[in-house]
Amino acid sequence: MAHTTHTENTLGAHVAALIQQRGYTLREFAEATDIPLVTLHRRLRSQSVRFTYSELARAAAALGTTAGAIITAFEEQAA
Protein backbone atom coordinates (compact mmCIF):
# COMPACT_ATOMS: atom_id res chain seq x y z
CA MET A 1 0.00 0.00 0.00
CA ALA A 2 1.42 3.37 -1.02
CA HIS A 3 1.87 6.01 1.64
CA THR A 4 0.72 9.48 0.65
CA THR A 5 3.28 12.13 1.43
CA HIS A 6 1.41 15.15 0.07
CA THR A 7 -0.43 17.06 2.78
CA GLU A 8 -3.10 18.20 0.30
CA ASN A 9 -4.18 14.54 -0.06
CA THR A 10 -5.28 14.14 3.55
CA LEU A 11 -8.77 14.33 4.99
CA GLY A 12 -7.54 17.13 7.25
CA ALA A 13 -6.44 19.18 4.24
CA HIS A 14 -9.82 18.53 2.61
CA VAL A 15 -11.64 19.78 5.72
CA ALA A 16 -9.28 22.78 5.92
CA ALA A 17 -10.24 23.71 2.35
CA LEU A 18 -13.94 23.48 3.23
CA ILE A 19 -13.39 25.69 6.28
CA GLN A 20 -11.62 28.26 4.14
CA GLN A 21 -14.34 28.12 1.46
CA ARG A 22 -16.96 28.88 4.12
CA GLY A 23 -14.96 31.90 5.30
CA TYR A 24 -14.19 30.67 8.81
CA THR A 25 -10.96 31.44 10.62
CA LEU A 26 -9.54 28.47 12.53
CA ARG A 27 -10.39 30.18 15.81
CA GLU A 28 -14.01 30.76 14.73
CA PHE A 29 -14.31 27.18 13.53
CA ALA A 30 -12.82 25.81 16.74
CA GLU A 31 -15.40 27.78 18.72
CA ALA A 32 -18.25 26.69 16.41
CA THR A 33 -17.32 23.01 16.77
CA ASP A 34 -16.13 23.01 20.38
CA ILE A 35 -12.87 21.44 19.22
CA PRO A 36 -9.87 23.01 20.98
CA LEU A 37 -7.87 25.18 18.57
CA VAL A 38 -4.66 23.20 19.12
CA THR A 39 -6.48 19.92 18.43
CA LEU A 40 -8.16 21.32 15.34
CA HIS A 41 -4.84 22.58 14.02
CA ARG A 42 -3.28 19.13 14.48
CA ARG A 43 -6.20 17.41 12.75
CA LEU A 44 -6.04 19.72 9.75
CA ARG A 45 -2.26 19.74 9.28
CA SER A 46 -1.14 16.23 10.19
CA GLN A 47 -0.93 13.17 8.01
CA SER A 48 -0.97 10.86 11.02
CA VAL A 49 -3.35 12.52 13.50
CA ARG A 50 -6.92 11.87 12.42
CA PHE A 51 -10.33 13.25 13.32
CA THR A 52 -12.44 11.25 15.75
CA TYR A 53 -15.94 10.56 14.46
CA SER A 54 -17.36 13.02 16.99
CA GLU A 55 -15.00 15.77 15.83
CA LEU A 56 -15.74 15.09 12.17
CA ALA A 57 -19.49 15.11 12.85
CA ARG A 58 -19.22 18.46 14.67
CA ALA A 59 -17.08 19.87 11.86
CA ALA A 60 -19.60 18.67 9.28
CA ALA A 61 -22.49 20.22 11.18
CA ALA A 62 -20.68 23.57 11.31
CA LEU A 63 -20.07 23.30 7.57
CA GLY A 64 -23.71 22.50 6.88
CA THR A 65 -23.12 18.95 5.72
CA THR A 66 -22.59 15.44 7.10
CA ALA A 67 -19.48 13.47 8.00
CA GLY A 68 -20.40 10.95 5.32
CA ALA A 69 -20.64 13.64 2.65
CA ILE A 70 -17.22 15.01 3.63
CA ILE A 71 -15.64 11.56 3.46
CA THR A 72 -17.34 10.73 0.15
CA ALA A 73 -16.22 14.02 -1.44
CA PHE A 74 -12.67 13.45 -0.15
CA GLU A 75 -12.56 9.91 -1.54
CA GLU A 76 -13.88 11.06 -4.91
CA GLN A 77 -11.31 13.85 -5.04
CA ALA A 78 -8.51 11.47 -4.10
CA ALA A 79 -9.47 8.88 -6.73
C-alpha atoms as a PDB file:
ATOM      1  CA  MET A   1       0.000   0.000   0.000  1.00  0.00           C
ATOM      2  CA  ALA A   2       1.420   3.367  -1.020  1.00  0.00           C
ATOM      3  CA  HIS A   3       1.867   6.008   1.641  1.00  0.00           C
ATOM      4  CA  THR A   4       0.718   9.481   0.654  1.00  0.00           C
ATOM      5  CA  THR A   5       3.284  12.130   1.426  1.00  0.00           C
ATOM      6  CA  HIS A   6       1.408  15.153   0.073  1.00  0.00           C
ATOM      7  CA  THR A   7      -0.432  17.061   2.777  1.00  0.00           C
ATOM      8  CA  GLU A   8      -3.104  18.195   0.304  1.00  0.00           C
ATOM      9  CA  ASN A   9      -4.183  14.543  -0.065  1.00  0.00           C
ATOM     10  CA  THR A  10      -5.283  14.143   3.552  1.00  0.00           C
ATOM     11  CA  LEU A  11      -8.770  14.334   4.989  1.00  0.00           C
ATOM     12  CA  GLY A  12      -7.541  17.133   7.246  1.00  0.00           C
ATOM     13  CA  ALA A  13      -6.440  19.180   4.239  1.00  0.00           C
ATOM     14  CA  HIS A  14      -9.816  18.535   2.615  1.00  0.00           C
ATOM     15  CA  VAL A  15     -11.636  19.783   5.717  1.00  0.00           C
ATOM     16  CA  ALA A  16      -9.282  22.780   5.916  1.00  0.00           C
ATOM     17  CA  ALA A  17     -10.240  23.712   2.353  1.00  0.00           C
ATOM     18  CA  LEU A  18     -13.940  23.484   3.234  1.00  0.00           C
ATOM     19  CA  ILE A  19     -13.391  25.693   6.279  1.00  0.00           C
ATOM     20  CA  GLN A  20     -11.618  28.264   4.143  1.00  0.00           C
ATOM     21  CA  GLN A  21     -14.341  28.124   1.457  1.00  0.00           C
ATOM     22  CA  ARG A  22     -16.956  28.884   4.118  1.00  0.00           C
ATOM     23  CA  GLY A  23     -14.961  31.901   5.295  1.00  0.00           C
ATOM     24  CA  TYR A  24     -14.186  30.665   8.809  1.00  0.00           C
ATOM     25  CA  THR A  25     -10.962  31.444  10.615  1.00  0.00           C
ATOM     26  CA  LEU A  26      -9.543  28.473  12.530  1.00  0.00           C
ATOM     27  CA  ARG A  27     -10.392  30.177  15.811  1.00  0.00           C
ATOM     28  CA  GLU A  28     -14.009  30.756  14.733  1.00  0.00           C
ATOM     29  CA  PHE A  29     -14.308  27.179  13.528  1.00  0.00           C
ATOM     30  CA  ALA A  30     -12.822  25.806  16.744  1.00  0.00           C
ATOM     31  CA  GLU A  31     -15.404  27.780  18.718  1.00  0.00           C
ATOM     32  CA  ALA A  32     -18.251  26.687  16.410  1.00  0.00           C
ATOM     33  CA  THR A  33     -17.322  23.011  16.769  1.00  0.00           C
ATOM     34  CA  ASP A  34     -16.132  23.006  20.382  1.00  0.00           C
ATOM     35  CA  ILE A  35     -12.873  21.440  19.224  1.00  0.00           C
ATOM     36  CA  PRO A  36      -9.865  23.014  20.978  1.00  0.00           C
ATOM     37  CA  LEU A  37      -7.872  25.183  18.568  1.00  0.00           C
ATOM     38  CA  VAL A  38      -4.664  23.197  19.120  1.00  0.00           C
ATOM     39  CA  THR A  39      -6.476  19.919  18.433  1.00  0.00           C
ATOM     40  CA  LEU A  40      -8.160  21.324  15.342  1.00  0.00           C
ATOM     41  CA  HIS A  41      -4.844  22.585  14.018  1.00  0.00           C
ATOM     42  CA  ARG A  42      -3.284  19.129  14.482  1.00  0.00           C
ATOM     43  CA  ARG A  43      -6.205  17.405  12.746  1.00  0.00           C
ATOM     44  CA  LEU A  44      -6.041  19.723   9.755  1.00  0.00           C
ATOM     45  CA  ARG A  45      -2.262  19.737   9.281  1.00  0.00           C
ATOM     46  CA  SER A  46      -1.135  16.232  10.187  1.00  0.00           C
ATOM     47  CA  GLN A  47      -0.931  13.174   8.009  1.00  0.00           C
ATOM     48  CA  SER A  48      -0.966  10.856  11.022  1.00  0.00           C
ATOM     49  CA  VAL A  49      -3.354  12.520  13.501  1.00  0.00           C
ATOM     50  CA  ARG A  50      -6.918  11.874  12.423  1.00  0.00           C
ATOM     51  CA  PHE A  51     -10.333  13.245  13.323  1.00  0.00           C
ATOM     52  CA  THR A  52     -12.439  11.251  15.754  1.00  0.00           C
ATOM     53  CA  TYR A  53     -15.936  10.559  14.459  1.00  0.00           C
ATOM     54  CA  SER A  54     -17.363  13.020  16.988  1.00  0.00           C
ATOM     55  CA  GLU A  55     -14.996  15.766  15.830  1.00  0.00           C
ATOM     56  CA  LEU A  56     -15.744  15.091  12.167  1.00  0.00           C
ATOM     57  CA  ALA A  57     -19.488  15.111  12.852  1.00  0.00           C
ATOM     58  CA  ARG A  58     -19.220  18.461  14.666  1.00  0.00           C
ATOM     59  CA  ALA A  59     -17.079  19.875  11.855  1.00  0.00           C
ATOM     60  CA  ALA A  60     -19.596  18.674   9.284  1.00  0.00           C
ATOM     61  CA  ALA A  61     -22.494  20.220  11.180  1.00  0.00           C
ATOM     62  CA  ALA A  62     -20.684  23.574  11.312  1.00  0.00           C
ATOM     63  CA  LEU A  63     -20.069  23.298   7.574  1.00  0.00           C
ATOM     64  CA  GLY A  64     -23.715  22.503   6.884  1.00  0.00           C
ATOM     65  CA  THR A  65     -23.124  18.948   5.720  1.00  0.00           C
ATOM     66  CA  THR A  66     -22.593  15.441   7.099  1.00  0.00           C
ATOM     67  CA  ALA A  67     -19.482  13.473   8.001  1.00  0.00           C
ATOM     68  CA  GLY A  68     -20.398  10.948   5.321  1.00  0.00           C
ATOM     69  CA  ALA A  69     -20.644  13.644   2.653  1.00  0.00           C
ATOM     70  CA  ILE A  70     -17.217  15.008   3.630  1.00  0.00           C
ATOM     71  CA  ILE A  71     -15.645  11.556   3.463  1.00  0.00           C
ATOM     72  CA  THR A  72     -17.337  10.733   0.147  1.00  0.00           C
ATOM     73  CA  ALA A  73     -16.216  14.017  -1.440  1.00  0.00           C
ATOM     74  CA  PHE A  74     -12.665  13.451  -0.149  1.00  0.00           C
ATOM     75  CA  GLU A  75     -12.558   9.908  -1.543  1.00  0.00           C
ATOM     76  CA  GLU A  76     -13.885  11.057  -4.911  1.00  0.00           C
ATOM     77  CA  GLN A  77     -11.306  13.845  -5.039  1.00  0.00           C
ATOM     78  CA  ALA A  78      -8.506  11.467  -4.095  1.00  0.00           C
ATOM     79  CA  ALA A  79      -9.470   8.881  -6.733  1.00  0.00           C
END
